[in-house]
Amino acid sequence: MNPMDLLKNMGMLQEKMQEAQARMRQISVTGTAGAGMVKITMNGEFQIQNVEIQKEAIDPDDVTMLQDLIRAAHNDASARIKETLRDALPTDLMG
């Protein structure tokens, strides 16, 4: 393969990756747990943007339950981001 073609392809791939990263920052999903008692909103870079906790989820005598709800909402949001990225990005990167 021609080295110049490799450089050209690398530049195009780098440009597509930058576009994909910009789109990832714009993605926003919300994961929930406990029938919506805990909600975590994350962007496509897996950064937490917002956390909502209903008063009913806060029981000083059962902190473990709240911890489990937060973990479950985070895992739900992460799974939704992965699904969104899987659906949106591969075809764009392949070109």
PDB file of N, CA and C in Angstrom:
ATOM      1  N   MET A   1       0.851  -1.182   0.000  1.00  0.00           N
ATOM      2  CA  MET A   1       0.000   0.000   0.000  1.00  0.00           C
ATOM      3  C   MET A   1       0.894   1.242   0.000  1.00  0.00           C
ATOM      4  N   ASN A   2       0.446   2.236  -0.680  1.00  0.00           N
ATOM      5  CA  ASN A   2       1.167   3.498  -0.799  1.00  0.00           C
ATOM      6  C   ASN A   2       1.187   4.227   0.550  1.00  0.00           C
ATOM      7  N   PRO A   3       2.359   4.633   1.031  1.00  0.00           N
ATOM      8  CA  PRO A   3       2.439   5.344   2.322  1.00  0.00           C
ATOM      9  C   PRO A   3       1.606   6.633   2.346  1.00  0.00           C
ATOM     10  N   MET A   4       1.484   7.304   1.235  1.00  0.00           N
ATOM     11  CA  MET A   4       0.682   8.531   1.179  1.00  0.00           C
ATOM     12  C   MET A   4      -0.795   8.219   1.389  1.00  0.00           C
ATOM     13  N   ASP A   5      -1.242   7.086   0.852  1.00  0.00           N
ATOM     14  CA  ASP A   5      -2.635   6.668   1.071  1.00  0.00           C
ATOM     15  C   ASP A   5      -2.880   6.367   2.545  1.00  0.00           C
ATOM     16  N   LEU A   6      -1.891   5.755   3.190  1.00  0.00           N
ATOM     17  CA  LEU A   6      -2.017   5.471   4.622  1.00  0.00           C
ATOM     18  C   LEU A   6      -2.168   6.762   5.414  1.00  0.00           C
ATOM     19  N   LEU A   7      -1.362   7.747   5.100  1.00  0.00           N
ATOM     20  CA  LEU A   7      -1.445   9.028   5.800  1.00  0.00           C
ATOM     21  C   LEU A   7      -2.787   9.698   5.554  1.00  0.00           C
ATOM     22  N   LYS A   8      -3.264   9.634   4.332  1.00  0.00           N
ATOM     23  CA  LYS A   8      -4.562  10.229   3.998  1.00  0.00           C
ATOM     24  C   LYS A   8      -5.670   9.534   4.781  1.00  0.00           C
ATOM     25  N   ASN A   9      -5.631   8.210   4.823  1.00  0.00           N
ATOM     26  CA  ASN A   9      -6.649   7.447   5.559  1.00  0.00           C
ATOM     27  C   ASN A   9      -6.575   7.721   7.053  1.00  0.00           C
ATOM     28  N   MET A  10      -5.373   7.875   7.583  1.00  0.00           N
ATOM     29  CA  MET A  10      -5.216   8.179   9.010  1.00  0.00           C
ATOM     30  C   MET A  10      -5.833   9.530   9.338  1.00  0.00           C
ATOM     31  N   GLY A  11      -5.627  10.498   8.475  1.00  0.00           N
ATOM     32  CA  GLY A  11      -6.203  11.828   8.688  1.00  0.00           C
ATOM     33  C   GLY A  11      -7.716  11.784   8.674  1.00  0.00           C
ATOM     34  N   MET A  12      -8.284  11.032   7.738  1.00  0.00           N
ATOM     35  CA  MET A  12      -9.745  10.909   7.657  1.00  0.00           C
ATOM     36  C   MET A  12     -10.281  10.196   8.898  1.00  0.00           C
ATOM     37  N   LEU A  13      -9.588   9.149   9.344  1.00  0.00           N
ATOM     38  CA  LEU A  13     -10.029   8.414  10.522  1.00  0.00           C
ATOM     39  C   LEU A  13      -9.958   9.303  11.767  1.00  0.00           C
ATOM     40  N   GLN A  14      -8.898  10.078  11.879  1.00  0.00           N
ATOM     41  CA  GLN A  14      -8.753  10.983  13.020  1.00  0.00           C
ATOM     42  C   GLN A  14      -9.878  12.024  13.028  1.00  0.00           C
ATOM     43  N   GLU A  15     -10.223  12.530  11.865  1.00  0.00           N
ATOM     44  CA  GLU A  15     -11.318  13.507  11.763  1.00  0.00           C
ATOM     45  C   GLU A  15     -12.645  12.882  12.185  1.00  0.00           C
ATOM     46  N   LYS A  16     -12.897  11.652  11.733  1.00  0.00           N
ATOM     47  CA  LYS A  16     -14.143  10.974  12.111  1.00  0.00           C
ATOM     48  C   LYS A  16     -14.187  10.696  13.614  1.00  0.00           C
ATOM     49  N   MET A  17     -13.033  10.367  14.201  1.00  0.00           N
ATOM     50  CA  MET A  17     -12.988  10.124  15.640  1.00  0.00           C
ATOM     51  C   MET A  17     -13.296  11.405  16.415  1.00  0.00           C
ATOM     52  N   GLN A  18     -12.780  12.531  15.955  1.00  0.00           N
ATOM     53  CA  GLN A  18     -13.058  13.803  16.613  1.00  0.00           C
ATOM     54  C   GLN A  18     -14.547  14.144  16.520  1.00  0.00           C
ATOM     55  N   GLU A  19     -15.147  13.877  15.362  1.00  0.00           N
ATOM     56  CA  GLU A  19     -16.582  14.110  15.205  1.00  0.00           C
ATOM     57  C   GLU A  19     -17.378  13.210  16.149  1.00  0.00           C
ATOM     58  N   ALA A  20     -16.956  11.951  16.254  1.00  0.00           N
ATOM     59  CA  ALA A  20     -17.650  11.007  17.139  1.00  0.00           C
ATOM     60  C   ALA A  20     -17.538  11.451  18.592  1.00  0.00           C
ATOM     61  N   GLN A  21     -16.361  11.922  18.998  1.00  0.00           N
ATOM     62  CA  GLN A  21     -16.183  12.386  20.379  1.00  0.00           C
ATOM     63  C   GLN A  21     -17.070  13.591  20.668  1.00  0.00           C
ATOM     64  N   ALA A  22     -17.205  14.492  19.696  1.00  0.00           N
ATOM     65  CA  ALA A  22     -18.073  15.656  19.883  1.00  0.00           C
ATOM     66  C   ALA A  22     -19.523  15.210  20.044  1.00  0.00           C
ATOM     67  N   ARG A  23     -19.933  14.217  19.249  1.00  0.00           N
ATOM     68  CA  ARG A  23     -21.305  13.706  19.371  1.00  0.00           C
ATOM     69  C   ARG A  23     -21.522  12.997  20.694  1.00  0.00           C
ATOM     70  N   MET A  24     -20.494  12.326  21.189  1.00  0.00           N
ATOM     71  CA  MET A  24     -20.617  11.619  22.468  1.00  0.00           C
ATOM     72  C   MET A  24     -20.915  12.595  23.604  1.00  0.00           C
ATOM     73  N   ARG A  25     -20.306  13.770  23.539  1.00  0.00           N
ATOM     74  CA  ARG A  25     -20.563  14.768  24.582  1.00  0.00           C
ATOM     75  C   ARG A  25     -22.008  15.254  24.541  1.00  0.00           C
ATOM     76  N   GLN A  26     -22.650  15.167  23.379  1.00  0.00           N
ATOM     77  CA  GLN A  26     -24.018  15.662  23.228  1.00  0.00           C
ATOM     78  C   GLN A  26     -25.061  14.625  23.635  1.00  0.00           C
ATOM     79  N   ILE A  27     -24.663  13.357  23.696  1.00  0.00           N
ATOM     80  CA  ILE A  27     -25.595  12.301  24.095  1.00  0.00           C
ATOM     81  C   ILE A  27     -25.943  12.470  25.564  1.00  0.00           C
ATOM     82  N   SER A  28     -27.209  12.310  25.880  1.00  0.00           N
ATOM     83  CA  SER A  28     -27.654  12.392  27.275  1.00  0.00           C
ATOM     84  C   SER A  28     -28.682  11.294  27.511  1.00  0.00           C
ATOM     85  N   VAL A  29     -28.444  10.483  28.530  1.00  0.00           N
ATOM     86  CA  VAL A  29     -29.383   9.423  28.891  1.00  0.00           C
ATOM     87  C   VAL A  29     -29.624   9.477  30.394  1.00  0.00           C
ATOM     88  N   THR A  30     -30.768   8.949  30.798  1.00  0.00           N
ATOM     89  CA  THR A  30     -31.102   8.888  32.215  1.00  0.00           C
ATOM     90  C   THR A  30     -31.371   7.440  32.596  1.00  0.00           C
ATOM     91  N   GLY A  31     -30.655   6.987  33.609  1.00  0.00           N
ATOM     92  CA  GLY A  31     -30.887   5.672  34.169  1.00  0.00           C
ATOM     93  C   GLY A  31     -31.707   5.825  35.433  1.00  0.00           C
ATOM     94  N   THR A  32     -32.560   4.842  35.689  1.00  0.00           N
ATOM     95  CA  THR A  32     -33.427   4.923  36.866  1.00  0.00           C
ATOM     96  C   THR A  32     -33.359   3.635  37.678  1.00  0.00           C
ATOM     97  N   ALA A  33     -33.783   3.753  38.923  1.00  0.00           N
ATOM     98  CA  ALA A  33     -33.886   2.587  39.807  1.00  0.00           C
ATOM     99  C   ALA A  33     -34.977   2.870  40.828  1.00  0.00           C
ATOM    100  N   GLY A  34     -35.526   1.798  41.370  1.00  0.00           N
ATOM    101  CA  GLY A  34     -36.549   1.945  42.404  1.00  0.00           C
ATOM    102  C   GLY A  34     -37.785   2.655  41.889  1.00  0.00           C
ATOM    103  N   ALA A  35     -38.235   2.270  40.705  1.00  0.00           N
ATOM    104  CA  ALA A  35     -39.426   2.881  40.093  1.00  0.00           C
ATOM    105  C   ALA A  35     -39.294   4.400  39.988  1.00  0.00           C
ATOM    106  N   GLY A  36     -38.088   4.841  39.642  1.00  0.00           N
ATOM    107  CA  GLY A  36     -37.856   6.261  39.447  1.00  0.00           C
ATOM    108  C   GLY A  36     -37.476   7.025  40.702  1.00  0.00           C
ATOM    109  N   MET A  37     -37.285   6.332  41.812  1.00  0.00           N
ATOM    110  CA  MET A  37     -36.907   7.035  43.037  1.00  0.00           C
ATOM    111  C   MET A  37     -35.496   7.615  42.944  1.00  0.00           C
ATOM    112  N   VAL A  38     -34.637   6.975  42.137  1.00  0.00           N
ATOM    113  CA  VAL A  38     -33.290   7.485  41.897  1.00  0.00           C
ATOM    114  C   VAL A  38     -33.087   7.560  40.395  1.00  0.00           C
ATOM    115  N   LYS A  39     -32.633   8.731  39.916  1.00  0.00           N
ATOM    116  CA  LYS A  39     -32.364   8.945  38.495  1.00  0.00           C
ATOM    117  C   LYS A  39     -30.970   9.540  38.355  1.00  0.00           C
ATOM    118  N   ILE A  40     -30.212   8.994  37.419  1.00  0.00           N
ATOM    119  CA  ILE A  40     -28.888   9.523  37.122  1.00  0.00           C
ATOM    120  C   ILE A  40     -28.819   9.806  35.631  1.00  0.00           C
ATOM    121  N   THR A  41     -28.455  11.042  35.303  1.00  0.00           N
ATOM    122  CA  THR A  41     -28.306  11.438  33.908  1.00  0.00           C
ATOM    123  C   THR A  41     -26.815  11.540  33.602  1.00  0.00           C
ATOM    124  N   MET A  42     -26.419  10.890  32.487  1.00  0.00           N
ATOM    125  CA  MET A  42     -25.021  10.872  32.076  1.00  0.00           C
ATOM    126  C   MET A  42     -24.907  11.276  30.612  1.00  0.00           C
ATOM    127  N   ASN A  43     -23.709  11.776  30.247  1.00  0.00           N
ATOM    128  CA  ASN A  43     -23.479  12.057  28.837  1.00  0.00           C
ATOM    129  C   ASN A  43     -22.764  10.874  28.192  1.00  0.00           C
ATOM    130  N   GLY A  44     -22.505  10.978  26.901  1.00  0.00           N
ATOM    131  CA  GLY A  44     -21.894   9.886  26.155  1.00  0.00           C
ATOM    132  C   GLY A  44     -20.460   9.593  26.536  1.00  0.00           C
ATOM    133  N   GLU A  45     -19.864  10.455  27.353  1.00  0.00           N
ATOM    134  CA  GLU A  45     -18.524  10.198  27.857  1.00  0.00           C
ATOM    135  C   GLU A  45     -18.568   9.583  29.257  1.00  0.00           C
ATOM    136  N   PHE A  46     -19.759   9.126  29.656  1.00  0.00           N
ATOM    137  CA  PHE A  46     -19.991   8.473  30.948  1.00  0.00           C
ATOM    138  C   PHE A  46     -19.751   9.405  32.127  1.00  0.00           C
ATOM    139  N   GLN A  47     -19.941  10.700  31.909  1.00  0.00           N
ATOM    140  CA  GLN A  47     -19.840  11.665  33.000  1.00  0.00           C
ATOM    141  C   GLN A  47     -21.238  11.924  33.549  1.00  0.00           C
ATOM    142  N   ILE A  48     -21.366  11.891  34.873  1.00  0.00           N
ATOM    143  CA  ILE A  48     -22.662  12.147  35.502  1.00  0.00           C
ATOM    144  C   ILE A  48     -22.978  13.635  35.392  1.00  0.00           C
ATOM    145  N   GLN A  49     -24.154  13.929  34.846  1.00  0.00           N
ATOM    146  CA  GLN A  49     -24.595  15.305  34.667  1.00  0.00           C
ATOM    147  C   GLN A  49     -25.583  15.737  35.737  1.00  0.00           C
ATOM    148  N   ASN A  50     -26.365  14.778  36.232  1.00  0.00           N
ATOM    149  CA  ASN A  50     -27.392  15.111  37.217  1.00  0.00           C
ATOM    150  C   ASN A  50     -27.768  13.865  38.019  1.00  0.00           C
ATOM    151  N   VAL A  51     -28.111  14.088  39.271  1.00  0.00           N
ATOM    152  CA  VAL A  51     -28.593  13.017  40.148  1.00  0.00           C
ATOM    153  C   VAL A  51     -29.854  13.518  40.825  1.00  0.00           C
ATOM    154  N   GLU A  52     -30.919  12.722  40.749  1.00  0.00           N
ATOM    155  CA  GLU A  52     -32.166  13.049  41.436  1.00  0.00           C
ATOM    156  C   GLU A  52     -32.506  11.909  42.382  1.00  0.00           C
ATOM    157  N   ILE A  53     -32.786  12.247  43.626  1.00  0.00           N
ATOM    158  CA  ILE A  53     -33.160  11.246  44.625  1.00  0.00           C
ATOM    159  C   ILE A  53     -34.447  11.720  45.292  1.00  0.00           C
ATOM    160  N   GLN A  54     -35.488  10.906  45.199  1.00  0.00           N
ATOM    161  CA  GLN A  54     -36.755  11.235  45.838  1.00  0.00           C
ATOM    162  C   GLN A  54     -36.628  11.050  47.352  1.00  0.00           C
ATOM    163  N   LYS A  55     -37.356  11.856  48.095  1.00  0.00           N
ATOM    164  CA  LYS A  55     -37.297  11.778  49.560  1.00  0.00           C
ATOM    165  C   LYS A  55     -37.614  10.378  50.077  1.00  0.00           C
ATOM    166  N   GLU A  56     -38.527   9.697  49.397  1.00  0.00           N
ATOM    167  CA  GLU A  56     -38.934   8.359  49.841  1.00  0.00           C
ATOM    168  C   GLU A  56     -37.778   7.360  49.812  1.00  0.00           C
ATOM    169  N   ALA A  57     -36.741   7.640  49.008  1.00  0.00           N
ATOM    170  CA  ALA A  57     -35.604   6.717  48.899  1.00  0.00           C
ATOM    171  C   ALA A  57     -34.611   6.902  50.031  1.00  0.00           C
ATOM    172  N   ILE A  58     -34.785   7.957  50.813  1.00  0.00           N
ATOM    173  CA  ILE A  58     -33.828   8.263  51.875  1.00  0.00           C
ATOM    174  C   ILE A  58     -34.362   7.760  53.212  1.00  0.00           C
ATOM    175  N   ASP A  59     -33.742   6.706  53.690  1.00  0.00           N
ATOM    176  CA  ASP A  59     -34.095   6.124  54.988  1.00  0.00           C
ATOM    177  C   ASP A  59     -32.800   6.023  55.799  1.00  0.00           C
ATOM    178  N   PRO A  60     -32.627   6.877  56.804  1.00  0.00           N
ATOM    179  CA  PRO A  60     -31.384   6.858  57.579  1.00  0.00           C
ATOM    180  C   PRO A  60     -31.075   5.498  58.191  1.00  0.00           C
ATOM    181  N   ASP A  61     -32.100   4.684  58.378  1.00  0.00           N
ATOM    182  CA  ASP A  61     -31.890   3.365  58.966  1.00  0.00           C
ATOM    183  C   ASP A  61     -31.541   2.303  57.913  1.00  0.00           C
ATOM    184  N   ASP A  62     -31.591   2.686  56.636  1.00  0.00           N
ATOM    185  CA  ASP A  62     -31.290   1.722  55.569  1.00  0.00           C
ATOM    186  C   ASP A  62     -30.481   2.401  54.460  1.00  0.00           C
ATOM    187  N   VAL A  63     -29.283   2.820  54.794  1.00  0.00           N
ATOM    188  CA  VAL A  63     -28.405   3.483  53.838  1.00  0.00           C
ATOM    189  C   VAL A  63     -28.028   2.535  52.696  1.00  0.00           C
ATOM    190  N   THR A  64     -27.923   1.263  52.996  1.00  0.00           N
ATOM    191  CA  THR A  64     -27.552   0.268  51.982  1.00  0.00           C
ATOM    192  C   THR A  64     -28.542   0.269  50.821  1.00  0.00           C
ATOM    193  N   MET A  65     -29.828   0.426  51.115  1.00  0.00           N
ATOM    194  CA  MET A  65     -30.823   0.451  50.048  1.00  0.00           C
ATOM    195  C   MET A  65     -30.569   1.622  49.106  1.00  0.00           C
ATOM    196  N   LEU A  66     -30.291   2.802  49.653  1.00  0.00           N
ATOM    197  CA  LEU A  66     -30.021   3.970  48.813  1.00  0.00           C
ATOM    198  C   LEU A  66     -28.757   3.753  47.988  1.00  0.00           C
ATOM    199  N   GLN A  67     -27.741   3.178  48.590  1.00  0.00           N
ATOM    200  CA  GLN A  67     -26.519   2.889  47.845  1.00  0.00           C
ATOM    201  C   GLN A  67     -26.802   1.940  46.681  1.00  0.00           C
ATOM    202  N   ASP A  68     -27.618   0.918  46.924  1.00  0.00           N
ATOM    203  CA  ASP A  68     -27.977  -0.037  45.877  1.00  0.00           C
ATOM    204  C   ASP A  68     -28.776   0.640  44.758  1.00  0.00           C
ATOM    205  N   LEU A  69     -29.690   1.553  45.129  1.00  0.00           N
ATOM    206  CA  LEU A  69     -30.474   2.263  44.120  1.00  0.00           C
ATOM    207  C   LEU A  69     -29.588   3.168  43.262  1.00  0.00           C
ATOM    208  N   ILE A  70     -28.638   3.835  43.883  1.00  0.00           N
ATOM    209  CA  ILE A  70     -27.723   4.705  43.129  1.00  0.00           C
ATOM    210  C   ILE A  70     -26.879   3.874  42.171  1.00  0.00           C
ATOM    211  N   ARG A  71     -26.358   2.772  42.669  1.00  0.00           N
ATOM    212  CA  ARG A  71     -25.559   1.883  41.825  1.00  0.00           C
ATOM    213  C   ARG A  71     -26.389   1.349  40.657  1.00  0.00           C
ATOM    214  N   ALA A  72     -27.614   0.947  40.920  1.00  0.00           N
ATOM    215  CA  ALA A  72     -28.476   0.406  39.870  1.00  0.00           C
ATOM    216  C   ALA A  72     -28.824   1.478  38.830  1.00  0.00           C
ATOM    217  N   ALA A  73     -29.092   2.700  39.274  1.00  0.00           N
ATOM    218  CA  ALA A  73     -29.403   3.783  38.336  1.00  0.00           C
ATOM    219  C   ALA A  73     -28.177   4.110  37.478  1.00  0.00           C
ATOM    220  N   HIS A  74     -27.015   4.103  38.080  1.00  0.00           N
ATOM    221  CA  HIS A  74     -25.775   4.351  37.329  1.00  0.00           C
ATOM    222  C   HIS A  74     -25.547   3.250  36.292  1.00  0.00           C
ATOM    223  N   ASN A  75     -25.724   2.003  36.698  1.00  0.00           N
ATOM    224  CA  ASN A  75     -25.552   0.885  35.767  1.00  0.00           C
ATOM    225  C   ASN A  75     -26.565   0.946  34.634  1.00  0.00           C
ATOM    226  N   ASP A  76     -27.792   1.350  34.942  1.00  0.00           N
ATOM    227  CA  ASP A  76     -28.823   1.497  33.922  1.00  0.00           C
ATOM    228  C   ASP A  76     -28.430   2.587  32.924  1.00  0.00           C
ATOM    229  N   ALA A  77     -27.962   3.720  33.413  1.00  0.00           N
ATOM    230  CA  ALA A  77     -27.541   4.812  32.528  1.00  0.00           C
ATOM    231  C   ALA A  77     -26.353   4.374  31.668  1.00  0.00           C
ATOM    232  N   SER A  78     -25.395   3.678  32.259  1.00  0.00           N
ATOM    233  CA  SER A  78     -24.230   3.200  31.507  1.00  0.00           C
ATOM    234  C   SER A  78     -24.649   2.261  30.382  1.00  0.00           C
ATOM    235  N   ALA A  79     -25.559   1.349  30.678  1.00  0.00           N
ATOM    236  CA  ALA A  79     -26.043   0.415  29.660  1.00  0.00           C
ATOM    237  C   ALA A  79     -26.759   1.162  28.537  1.00  0.00           C
ATOM    238  N   ARG A  80     -27.521   2.187  28.883  1.00  0.00           N
ATOM    239  CA  ARG A  80     -28.226   2.968  27.859  1.00  0.00           C
ATOM    240  C   ARG A  80     -27.245   3.733  26.970  1.00  0.00           C
ATOM    241  N   ILE A  81     -26.163   4.237  27.561  1.00  0.00           N
ATOM    242  CA  ILE A  81     -25.149   4.934  26.758  1.00  0.00           C
ATOM    243  C   ILE A  81     -24.493   3.955  25.799  1.00  0.00           C
ATOM    244  N   LYS A  82     -24.098   2.790  26.309  1.00  0.00           N
ATOM    245  CA  LYS A  82     -23.460   1.787  25.453  1.00  0.00           C
ATOM    246  C   LYS A  82     -24.361   1.411  24.290  1.00  0.00           C
ATOM    247  N   GLU A  83     -25.644   1.238  24.568  1.00  0.00           N
ATOM    248  CA  GLU A  83     -26.601   0.895  23.513  1.00  0.00           C
ATOM    249  C   GLU A  83     -26.709   2.032  22.491  1.00  0.00           C
ATOM    250  N   THR A  84     -26.782   3.256  22.984  1.00  0.00           N
ATOM    251  CA  THR A  84     -26.882   4.404  22.090  1.00  0.00           C
ATOM    252  C   THR A  84     -25.638   4.524  21.226  1.00  0.00           C
ATOM    253  N   LEU A  85     -24.469   4.360  21.826  1.00  0.00           N
ATOM    254  CA  LEU A  85     -23.224   4.449  21.069  1.00  0.00           C
ATOM    255  C   LEU A  85     -23.109   3.318  20.053  1.00  0.00           C
ATOM    256  N   ARG A  86     -23.519   2.133  20.443  1.00  0.00           N
ATOM    257  CA  ARG A  86     -23.469   0.980  19.540  1.00  0.00           C
ATOM    258  C   ARG A  86     -24.358   1.225  18.325  1.00  0.00           C
ATOM    259  N   ASP A  87     -25.518   1.853  18.560  1.00  0.00           N
ATOM    260  CA  ASP A  87     -26.448   2.116  17.466  1.00  0.00           C
ATOM    261  C   ASP A  87     -26.012   3.295  16.602  1.00  0.00           C
ATOM    262  N   ALA A  88     -25.357   4.294  17.211  1.00  0.00           N
ATOM    263  CA  ALA A  88     -25.098   5.540  16.498  1.00  0.00           C
ATOM    264  C   ALA A  88     -23.715   5.660  15.874  1.00  0.00           C
ATOM    265  N   LEU A  89     -22.696   5.140  16.510  1.00  0.00           N
ATOM    266  CA  LEU A  89     -21.343   5.462  16.064  1.00  0.00           C
ATOM    267  C   LEU A  89     -20.690   4.520  15.068  1.00  0.00           C
ATOM    268  N   PRO A  90     -20.834   3.221  15.143  1.00  0.00           N
ATOM    269  CA  PRO A  90     -20.042   2.372  14.254  1.00  0.00           C
ATOM    270  C   PRO A  90     -20.198   2.670  12.776  1.00  0.00           C
ATOM    271  N   THR A  91     -21.410   2.890  12.317  1.00  0.00           N
ATOM    272  CA  THR A  91     -21.596   3.152  10.889  1.00  0.00           C
ATOM    273  C   THR A  91     -20.956   4.471  10.493  1.00  0.00           C
ATOM    274  N   ASP A  92     -20.982   5.444  11.371  1.00  0.00           N
ATOM    275  CA  ASP A  92     -20.348   6.736  11.072  1.00  0.00           C
ATOM    276  C   ASP A  92     -18.827   6.588  10.989  1.00  0.00           C
ATOM    277  N   LEU A  93     -18.263   5.762  11.849  1.00  0.00           N
ATOM    278  CA  LEU A  93     -16.816   5.600  11.839  1.00  0.00           C
ATOM    279  C   LEU A  93     -16.364   4.773  10.656  1.00  0.00           C
ATOM    280  N   MET A  94     -17.212   3.869  10.194  1.00  0.00           N
ATOM    281  CA  MET A  94     -16.840   3.023   9.064  1.00  0.00           C
ATOM    282  C   MET A  94     -16.967   3.766   7.743  1.00  0.00           C
ATOM    283  N   GLY A  95     -17.774   4.801   7.758  1.00  0.00           N
ATOM    284  CA  GLY A  95     -17.822   5.700   6.681  1.00  0.00           C
ATOM    285  C   GLY A  95     -18.642   5.635   5.540  1.00  0.00           C
TER     286      GLY A  95
END
